Protein backbone atom coordinates (compact mmCIF):
# COMPACT_ATOMS: atom_id res chain seq x y z
CA MET A 1 24.33 -17.14 48.75
CA LEU A 2 20.71 -17.79 49.55
CA SER A 3 18.67 -20.02 47.30
CA PRO A 4 15.75 -18.49 45.38
CA PRO A 5 13.18 -20.44 47.48
CA CYS A 6 14.77 -19.14 50.69
CA LEU A 7 14.78 -15.56 49.42
CA LYS A 8 11.17 -15.93 48.33
CA ALA A 9 10.23 -17.29 51.76
CA LEU A 10 12.02 -14.42 53.53
CA TRP A 11 10.36 -11.69 51.51
CA HIS A 12 6.98 -13.38 51.94
CA VAL A 13 7.54 -13.36 55.71
CA VAL A 14 8.50 -9.68 55.54
CA ASP A 15 5.35 -8.97 53.55
CA ILE A 16 3.01 -10.63 56.05
CA THR A 17 4.74 -9.28 59.17
CA SER A 18 3.01 -6.26 60.66
CA THR A 19 4.36 -2.84 59.81
CA GLY A 20 4.50 -2.07 63.51
CA ASP A 21 6.75 -5.04 64.22
CA LEU A 22 9.03 -4.25 61.29
CA LEU A 23 9.42 -0.67 62.47
CA THR A 24 9.51 -1.05 66.25
CA LEU A 25 11.38 -4.26 67.07
CA ASP A 26 15.06 -3.70 67.71
CA ASP A 27 17.49 -5.08 65.13
CA HIS A 28 18.29 -8.23 67.10
CA LYS A 29 14.64 -9.12 67.80
CA LEU A 30 13.53 -8.41 64.24
CA THR A 31 16.36 -10.48 62.81
CA ASP A 32 15.48 -13.34 65.15
CA ARG A 33 11.76 -13.13 64.33
CA LEU A 34 12.24 -13.13 60.55
CA HIS A 35 14.92 -15.83 60.75
CA GLN A 36 12.71 -18.08 62.90
CA LYS A 37 9.72 -17.75 60.56
CA VAL A 38 11.78 -18.61 57.47
CA VAL A 39 13.49 -21.56 59.18
CA GLU A 40 10.03 -22.90 60.06
CA GLN A 41 9.20 -22.94 56.34
CA GLN A 42 12.53 -24.01 54.83
CA ALA A 43 14.79 -26.96 55.55
CA LEU A 44 18.12 -25.18 55.96
CA ASP A 45 21.47 -26.53 57.05
CA ARG A 46 23.66 -24.67 59.54
CA LYS A 47 25.54 -22.71 56.85
CA GLU A 48 22.32 -21.66 55.12
CA ARG A 49 20.82 -20.53 58.43
CA ALA A 50 23.92 -18.42 59.12
CA THR A 51 23.77 -16.96 55.61
CA LEU A 52 20.08 -16.17 56.06
CA ARG A 53 20.71 -14.43 59.38
CA GLU A 54 23.48 -12.31 57.82
CA TYR A 55 21.30 -11.48 54.81
CA ILE A 56 18.49 -10.32 57.08
CA ARG A 57 20.90 -8.31 59.23
CA THR A 58 22.37 -6.53 56.21
CA HIS A 59 18.95 -5.81 54.72
CA LEU A 60 17.21 -4.41 57.80
CA LEU A 61 17.35 -0.84 56.51
CA LEU A 62 15.65 -1.91 53.27
CA ILE A 63 13.09 -3.99 55.17
CA ARG A 64 12.27 -1.07 57.45
CA ASP A 65 12.18 1.40 54.55
CA LEU A 66 9.73 -0.79 52.65
CA ALA A 67 7.60 -1.22 55.76
CA ASP A 68 7.55 2.53 56.34
CA ASP A 69 6.21 3.06 52.80
CA ARG A 70 3.30 0.62 53.12
CA PRO A 71 -0.04 1.14 54.79
CA SER A 72 -0.26 -0.17 58.35
CA ARG A 73 -1.94 -3.53 58.70
CA THR A 74 -2.41 -6.15 61.34
CA GLY A 75 0.47 -8.60 61.33
CA LEU A 76 -0.11 -12.27 60.75
CA LEU A 77 3.05 -13.27 62.57
CA ASN A 78 2.68 -11.58 65.92
CA THR A 79 4.00 -13.84 68.67
């Protein structure tokens, strides 16, 4: 189970990631991008990183659905 600070960090990253990236990156690339940005913010051990990756993977449909419902904006996390 992810800690509340980790969940908060993930959903913040989702919120500031561009709609275009959330909708156009393939599942693997989007999972990697979100995972990387959260890991940069949170000190996570190996098990927590694996749990985070699985959480992201299983919530991609929700992430994309939420992105599709928001106005387009320039992403702050484009790399």
